[in-house]
Each structure stands twice: as structure tokens, then as C-alpha cells.
C-alpha atoms as a PDB file:
ATOM      1  CA  MET A   1     -20.049  29.348 -26.435  1.00  0.00           C
ATOM      2  CA  VAL A   2     -23.454  30.099 -25.977  1.00  0.00           C
ATOM      3  CA  ALA A   3     -26.108  27.726 -26.524  1.00  0.00           C
ATOM      4  CA  THR A   4     -28.191  27.261 -29.121  1.00  0.00           C
ATOM      5  CA  ILE A   5     -32.303  26.104 -29.004  1.00  0.00           C
ATOM      6  CA  SER A   6     -34.646  25.282 -31.685  1.00  0.00           C
ATOM      7  CA  PRO A   7     -37.842  25.837 -31.821  1.00  0.00           C
ATOM      8  CA  THR A   8     -38.194  28.464 -29.192  1.00  0.00           C
ATOM      9  CA  GLN A   9     -41.534  29.237 -26.939  1.00  0.00           C
ATOM     10  CA  GLU A  10     -41.506  32.333 -29.295  1.00  0.00           C
ATOM     11  CA  GLN A  11     -42.269  29.859 -32.524  1.00  0.00           C
ATOM     12  CA  ILE A  12     -44.347  27.627 -30.667  1.00  0.00           C
ATOM     13  CA  TYR A  13     -46.711  30.212 -29.406  1.00  0.00           C
ATOM     14  CA  THR A  14     -47.064  31.793 -32.843  1.00  0.00           C
ATOM     15  CA  ALA A  15     -47.314  28.516 -34.843  1.00  0.00           C
ATOM     16  CA  LEU A  16     -50.178  27.798 -32.329  1.00  0.00           C
ATOM     17  CA  GLY A  17     -51.627  31.013 -32.147  1.00  0.00           C
ATOM     18  CA  ASN A  18     -51.941  30.899 -36.082  1.00  0.00           C
ATOM     19  CA  PHE A  19     -53.546  27.640 -36.162  1.00  0.00           C
ATOM     20  CA  ILE A  20     -56.015  28.964 -33.495  1.00  0.00           C
ATOM     21  CA  VAL A  21     -56.837  32.073 -35.606  1.00  0.00           C
ATOM     22  CA  SER A  22     -57.259  30.129 -38.754  1.00  0.00           C
ATOM     23  CA  LEU A  23     -59.910  28.255 -36.743  1.00  0.00           C
ATOM     24  CA  THR A  24     -61.944  30.477 -34.672  1.00  0.00           C
ATOM     25  CA  GLY A  25     -61.291  34.173 -35.992  1.00  0.00           C
ATOM     26  CA  ALA A  26     -60.954  35.150 -32.266  1.00  0.00           C
ATOM     27  CA  GLN A  27     -57.673  37.598 -30.913  1.00  0.00           C
ATOM     28  CA  VAL A  28     -55.319  35.189 -29.834  1.00  0.00           C
ATOM     29  CA  VAL A  29     -52.886  36.577 -26.800  1.00  0.00           C
ATOM     30  CA  GLN A  30     -49.692  34.681 -24.959  1.00  0.00           C
ATOM     31  CA  GLY A  31     -48.949  34.147 -21.689  1.00  0.00           C
ATOM     32  CA  TRP A  32     -50.383  35.636 -18.417  1.00  0.00           C
ATOM     33  CA  ALA A  33     -49.436  39.407 -18.275  1.00  0.00           C
ATOM     34  CA  ASN A  34     -49.492  41.281 -15.553  1.00  0.00           C
ATOM     35  CA  LEU A  35     -50.383  44.834 -15.384  1.00  0.00           C
ATOM     36  CA  VAL A  36     -51.896  44.590 -19.029  1.00  0.00           C
ATOM     37  CA  PRO A  37     -55.456  44.836 -19.567  1.00  0.00           C
ATOM     38  CA  ALA A  38     -57.651  41.802 -21.089  1.00  0.00           C
ATOM     39  CA  PRO A  39     -58.709  42.627 -24.458  1.00  0.00           C
ATOM     40  CA  GLN A  40     -62.276  43.485 -25.269  1.00  0.00           C
ATOM     41  CA  GLY A  41     -64.990  41.010 -25.888  1.00  0.00           C
ATOM     42  CA  GLY A  42     -64.240  37.231 -26.535  1.00  0.00           C
ATOM     43  CA  TYR A  43     -60.629  36.143 -26.636  1.00  0.00           C
ATOM     44  CA  ILE A  44     -58.213  33.346 -26.534  1.00  0.00           C
ATOM     45  CA  LEU A  45     -55.307  33.268 -24.243  1.00  0.00           C
ATOM     46  CA  MET A  46     -52.566  30.861 -24.754  1.00  0.00           C
ATOM     47  CA  ALA A  47     -50.086  29.845 -21.860  1.00  0.00           C
ATOM     48  CA  VAL A  48     -47.422  26.803 -21.351  1.00  0.00           C
ATOM     49  CA  LEU A  49     -47.939  25.118 -17.983  1.00  0.00           C
ATOM     50  CA  SER A  50     -45.196  21.987 -18.850  1.00  0.00           C
ATOM     51  CA  ARG A  51     -42.610  20.312 -20.253  1.00  0.00           C
ATOM     52  CA  ARG A  52     -41.899  16.823 -19.743  1.00  0.00           C
ATOM     53  CA  ARG A  53     -39.369  14.636 -20.699  1.00  0.00           C
ATOM     54  CA  LEU A  54     -40.412  11.780 -23.014  1.00  0.00           C
ATOM     55  CA  ALA A  55     -37.047  10.084 -24.161  1.00  0.00           C
ATOM     56  CA  THR A  56     -33.167  10.430 -23.716  1.00  0.00           C
ATOM     57  CA  ASN A  57     -31.342  12.377 -25.915  1.00  0.00           C
ATOM     58  CA  GLU A  58     -30.020  12.166 -29.117  1.00  0.00           C
ATOM     59  CA  ARG A  59     -26.766  13.453 -30.390  1.00  0.00           C
ATOM     60  CA  ILE A  60     -25.395  14.165 -33.652  1.00  0.00           C
ATOM     61  CA  TYR A  61     -21.529  15.438 -34.105  1.00  0.00           C
ATOM     62  CA  ILE A  62     -21.418  17.965 -37.519  1.00  0.00           C
ATOM     63  CA  ARG A  63     -17.836  17.695 -38.497  1.00  0.00           C
ATOM     64  CA  PRO A  64     -16.568  21.058 -40.509  1.00  0.00           C
ATOM     65  CA  GLU A  65     -16.167  20.096 -44.341  1.00  0.00           C
ATOM     66  CA  ASP A  66     -12.721  22.252 -44.252  1.00  0.00           C
ATOM     67  CA  ASP A  67      -9.719  22.736 -42.207  1.00  0.00           C
ATOM     68  CA  ASP A  68     -11.566  24.210 -39.581  1.00  0.00           C
ATOM     69  CA  ASP A  69     -11.386  22.735 -35.755  1.00  0.00           C
ATOM     70  CA  THR A  70     -14.848  23.983 -34.861  1.00  0.00           C
ATOM     71  CA  GLY A  71     -18.037  22.011 -36.003  1.00  0.00           C
ATOM     72  CA  GLN A  72     -21.346  21.258 -33.813  1.00  0.00           C
ATOM     73  CA  VAL A  73     -22.682  18.699 -31.508  1.00  0.00           C
ATOM     74  CA  LEU A  74     -26.579  18.946 -31.379  1.00  0.00           C
ATOM     75  CA  MET A  75     -28.510  17.470 -28.601  1.00  0.00           C
ATOM     76  CA  LYS A  76     -31.892  16.426 -29.502  1.00  0.00           C
ATOM     77  CA  GLU A  77     -34.509  15.909 -26.827  1.00  0.00           C
ATOM     78  CA  SER A  78     -38.388  14.681 -27.532  1.00  0.00           C
ATOM     79  CA  VAL A  79     -40.309  16.352 -24.999  1.00  0.00           C
ATOM     80  CA  GLN A  80     -44.349  16.856 -23.788  1.00  0.00           C
ATOM     81  CA  ILE A  81     -45.152  20.123 -23.829  1.00  0.00           C
ATOM     82  CA  THR A  82     -48.466  21.071 -22.032  1.00  0.00           C
ATOM     83  CA  ILE A  83     -50.046  23.881 -23.444  1.00  0.00           C
ATOM     84  CA  GLN A  84     -53.677  25.753 -21.500  1.00  0.00           C
ATOM     85  CA  ILE A  85     -55.698  27.198 -23.869  1.00  0.00           C
ATOM     86  CA  ASP A  86     -58.370  29.610 -22.322  1.00  0.00           C
ATOM     87  CA  CYS A  87     -61.804  30.711 -24.250  1.00  0.00           C
ATOM     88  CA  PHE A  88     -63.162  34.015 -23.055  1.00  0.00           C
ATOM     89  CA  GLY A  89     -66.721  35.900 -24.488  1.00  0.00           C
ATOM     90  CA  GLU A  90     -69.924  34.369 -25.709  1.00  0.00           C
ATOM     91  CA  GLN A  91     -68.170  32.061 -28.190  1.00  0.00           C
ATOM     92  CA  SER A  92     -65.827  30.833 -25.558  1.00  0.00           C
ATOM     93  CA  ALA A  93     -67.620  27.198 -25.619  1.00  0.00           C
ATOM     94  CA  GLU A  94     -67.822  26.802 -29.180  1.00  0.00           C
ATOM     95  CA  TRP A  95     -63.925  27.855 -29.623  1.00  0.00           C
ATOM     96  CA  ALA A  96     -62.845  25.590 -27.106  1.00  0.00           C
ATOM     97  CA  GLN A  97     -65.159  22.539 -28.737  1.00  0.00           C
ATOM     98  CA  ILE A  98     -63.422  23.340 -32.013  1.00  0.00           C
ATOM     99  CA  LEU A  99     -60.087  23.123 -30.455  1.00  0.00           C
ATOM    100  CA  SER A 100     -60.812  19.850 -28.871  1.00  0.00           C
ATOM    101  CA  THR A 101     -61.737  18.449 -31.372  1.00  0.00           C
ATOM    102  CA  ALA A 102     -59.711  19.780 -34.355  1.00  0.00           C
ATOM    103  CA  LEU A 103     -56.468  19.174 -31.731  1.00  0.00           C
ATOM    104  CA  ARG A 104     -57.379  15.335 -31.654  1.00  0.00           C
ATOM    105  CA  ASP A 105     -57.804  15.192 -35.931  1.00  0.00           C
ATOM    106  CA  GLU A 106     -54.755  14.933 -38.346  1.00  0.00           C
ATOM    107  CA  MET A 107     -55.511  18.397 -39.598  1.00  0.00           C
ATOM    108  CA  ALA A 108     -53.670  19.451 -36.736  1.00  0.00           C
ATOM    109  CA  CYS A 109     -50.654  17.314 -37.192  1.00  0.00           C
ATOM    110  CA  ASP A 110     -51.226  18.487 -41.069  1.00  0.00           C
ATOM    111  CA  ALA A 111     -50.951  22.170 -39.732  1.00  0.00           C
ATOM    112  CA  LEU A 112     -48.385  22.257 -37.084  1.00  0.00           C
ATOM    113  CA  GLN A 113     -45.933  20.307 -38.820  1.00  0.00           C
ATOM    114  CA  PRO A 114     -42.652  20.211 -38.487  1.00  0.00           C
ATOM    115  CA  LEU A 115     -42.206  22.545 -35.561  1.00  0.00           C
ATOM    116  CA  MET A 116     -44.649  19.931 -33.130  1.00  0.00           C
ATOM    117  CA  GLN A 117     -47.183  17.385 -33.192  1.00  0.00           C
ATOM    118  CA  PRO A 118     -50.503  17.300 -31.105  1.00  0.00           C
ATOM    119  CA  LEU A 119     -50.560  14.118 -28.770  1.00  0.00           C
ATOM    120  CA  TYR A 120     -54.395  14.892 -27.372  1.00  0.00           C
ATOM    121  CA  ALA A 121     -56.324  17.500 -25.892  1.00  0.00           C
ATOM    122  CA  ASP A 122     -58.461  17.474 -23.154  1.00  0.00           C
ATOM    123  CA  GLU A 123     -62.348  17.956 -23.047  1.00  0.00           C
ATOM    124  CA  PRO A 124     -63.459  21.801 -22.582  1.00  0.00           C
ATOM    125  CA  ARG A 125     -64.002  22.802 -19.030  1.00  0.00           C
ATOM    126  CA  ASN A 126     -66.085  25.827 -18.070  1.00  0.00           C
ATOM    127  CA  THR A 127     -64.208  27.585 -15.388  1.00  0.00           C
ATOM    128  CA  PRO A 128     -66.354  31.300 -15.407  1.00  0.00           C
ATOM    129  CA  ILE A 129     -64.170  33.848 -13.436  1.00  0.00           C
ATOM    130  CA  VAL A 130     -65.103  37.146 -11.664  1.00  0.00           C
ATOM    131  CA  ASN A 131     -64.080  40.352 -13.141  1.00  0.00           C
ATOM    132  CA  GLU A 132     -62.728  43.876 -11.797  1.00  0.00           C
ATOM    133  CA  SER A 133     -66.422  45.127 -12.150  1.00  0.00           C
ATOM    134  CA  GLN A 134     -66.984  41.749 -10.079  1.00  0.00           C
ATOM    135  CA  GLN A 135     -68.969  40.054 -12.629  1.00  0.00           C
ATOM    136  CA  TYR A 136     -68.653  36.950 -14.059  1.00  0.00           C
ATOM    137  CA  GLU A 137     -67.384  35.855 -17.220  1.00  0.00           C
ATOM    138  CA  GLN A 138     -67.714  32.887 -19.148  1.00  0.00           C
ATOM    139  CA  ARG A 139     -64.126  30.864 -19.711  1.00  0.00           C
ATOM    140  CA  TRP A 140     -63.572  27.540 -21.410  1.00  0.00           C
ATOM    141  CA  ILE A 141     -60.191  25.573 -20.552  1.00  0.00           C
ATOM    142  CA  VAL A 142     -58.935  23.056 -23.144  1.00  0.00           C
ATOM    143  CA  GLU A 143     -55.584  21.731 -22.074  1.00  0.00           C
ATOM    144  CA  ALA A 144     -53.772  20.859 -25.362  1.00  0.00           C
ATOM    145  CA  HIS A 145     -50.651  18.747 -25.052  1.00  0.00           C
ATOM    146  CA  PHE A 146     -47.865  18.622 -27.713  1.00  0.00           C
ATOM    147  CA  GLN A 147     -44.415  16.427 -28.773  1.00  0.00           C
ATOM    148  CA  ILE A 148     -42.066  19.261 -29.532  1.00  0.00           C
ATOM    149  CA  ASN A 149     -38.367  17.829 -30.627  1.00  0.00           C
ATOM    150  CA  PRO A 150     -36.161  20.828 -29.157  1.00  0.00           C
ATOM    151  CA  VAL A 151     -32.492  20.754 -30.924  1.00  0.00           C
ATOM    152  CA  VAL A 152     -29.438  22.253 -28.130  1.00  0.00           C
ATOM    153  CA  GLY A 153     -26.810  23.330 -30.403  1.00  0.00           C
ATOM    154  CA  LEU A 154     -22.906  23.920 -29.327  1.00  0.00           C
ATOM    155  CA  GLU A 155     -19.873  24.439 -30.895  1.00  0.00           C
ATOM    156  CA  GLN A 156     -17.662  21.305 -30.908  1.00  0.00           C
ATOM    157  CA  GLU A 157     -13.619  21.069 -31.380  1.00  0.00           C
ATOM    158  CA  PHE A 158     -12.914  18.240 -34.195  1.00  0.00           C
ATOM    159  CA  PHE A 159      -9.443  17.280 -35.296  1.00  0.00           C
ATOM    160  CA  GLY A 160      -8.383  15.911 -38.529  1.00  0.00           C
ATOM    161  CA  THR A 161      -5.298  14.985 -38.265  1.00  0.00           C
ATOM    162  CA  VAL A 162      -2.431  13.988 -34.907  1.00  0.00           C
ATOM    163  CA  GLY A 163       1.041  14.556 -35.123  1.00  0.00           C
ATOM    164  CA  VAL A 164       2.463  11.321 -33.680  1.00  0.00           C
ATOM    165  CA  GLU A 165       6.389  11.565 -32.126  1.00  0.00           C
ATOM    166  CA  VAL A 166       8.241   8.659 -30.834  1.00  0.00           C
ATOM    167  CA  THR A 167      10.486   8.866 -28.051  1.00  0.00           C
ATOM    168  CA  ASP A 168      12.652   5.836 -26.687  1.00  0.00           C
ATOM    169  CA  ALA A 169      12.008   5.284 -23.185  1.00  0.00           C
ATOM    170  CA  THR A 170      15.233   3.650 -22.570  1.00  0.00           C
ATOM    171  CA  THR A 171      17.027   7.019 -23.438  1.00  0.00           C
ATOM    172  CA  MET A 172      15.021   9.189 -20.927  1.00  0.00           C
END
């Protein structure tokens, strides 16, 4: 029996990436990939930094409607997920400010529901880096914090009737 989970990390990246593109028009990439050259010009990179439990699980049972004995148990967890958003290039300061502002607004709540909800975003930080040509590149970072409620599903056996047999204990 293999567990399922929703939302997946890929779904989270896709939703946030689409939101960022809608605000900035920038090329958005996921994670830190080894041996992959950075895109030319300005771009935005997203990487999950951490996941932190916010509450105890909620458990939901889904009983089969027919005579099948197999249903499902769903375990729902509340999680704070922190995503680092790195903005590179000439427009990086503006993009970081746009994202920091928008992620603290109900517009982001509407755009990202029901998959995730923004909790808050830190102030943009200027953290230039030195590239492979020993040249400084503009980089602004925003750490954004979201709540997700991943649901893990597992098969669960149920029964509808019980066969009871009475045995006289004195005759044994």
C-alpha cells in the first residue's frame, strides 16, 4: 500500500511560479540545480527552505459505499512552508519589492487558494553574488511563508457486518 500526498511540492512550485510570472513577467526557475547554467538576463529562482508543523493531524475516514472492504484514511496536517525567492538582474530590487508587497495582500490569498495561503513575507534583502566571471550580480531575496494543508491518503480496511458464533464455555 503506497501513500499519496496532495499538494505535491511540484504543485506548490507551479502555483507560486505562475503567480510570480503574473506580477513580474520574469522567467521563473525552481530550486538550485547543479551543473545547469543560470538563465541569461534577469530571472527569479524559488527554493523551499523548510516545512514546520503547525498543528496536530486531523484524521478523516472514507468508508466504501459498496460491499468492498477497502476505503481510505486521510491524514491532514497543517504546515508552514518557507520558500526563498531570489531575484537576479537589473530589475531584481523592483521584483523583490513587488513580491514582498503582493504576498502580504489578499490578492495573493485569492490567487493561491485553495492550494496554499500566504502567512507573511520578509522584507527584501540585497545579497549580491559573485558569478563565474568574478563579477558582482544583483540579487535580492524575499523569504515567503505559506500555510499548506497536505493530505496523506492510505488504504483502510473496513467491515460492514460481523459474524458472531456463540459457544457454551462449560462444554469445552
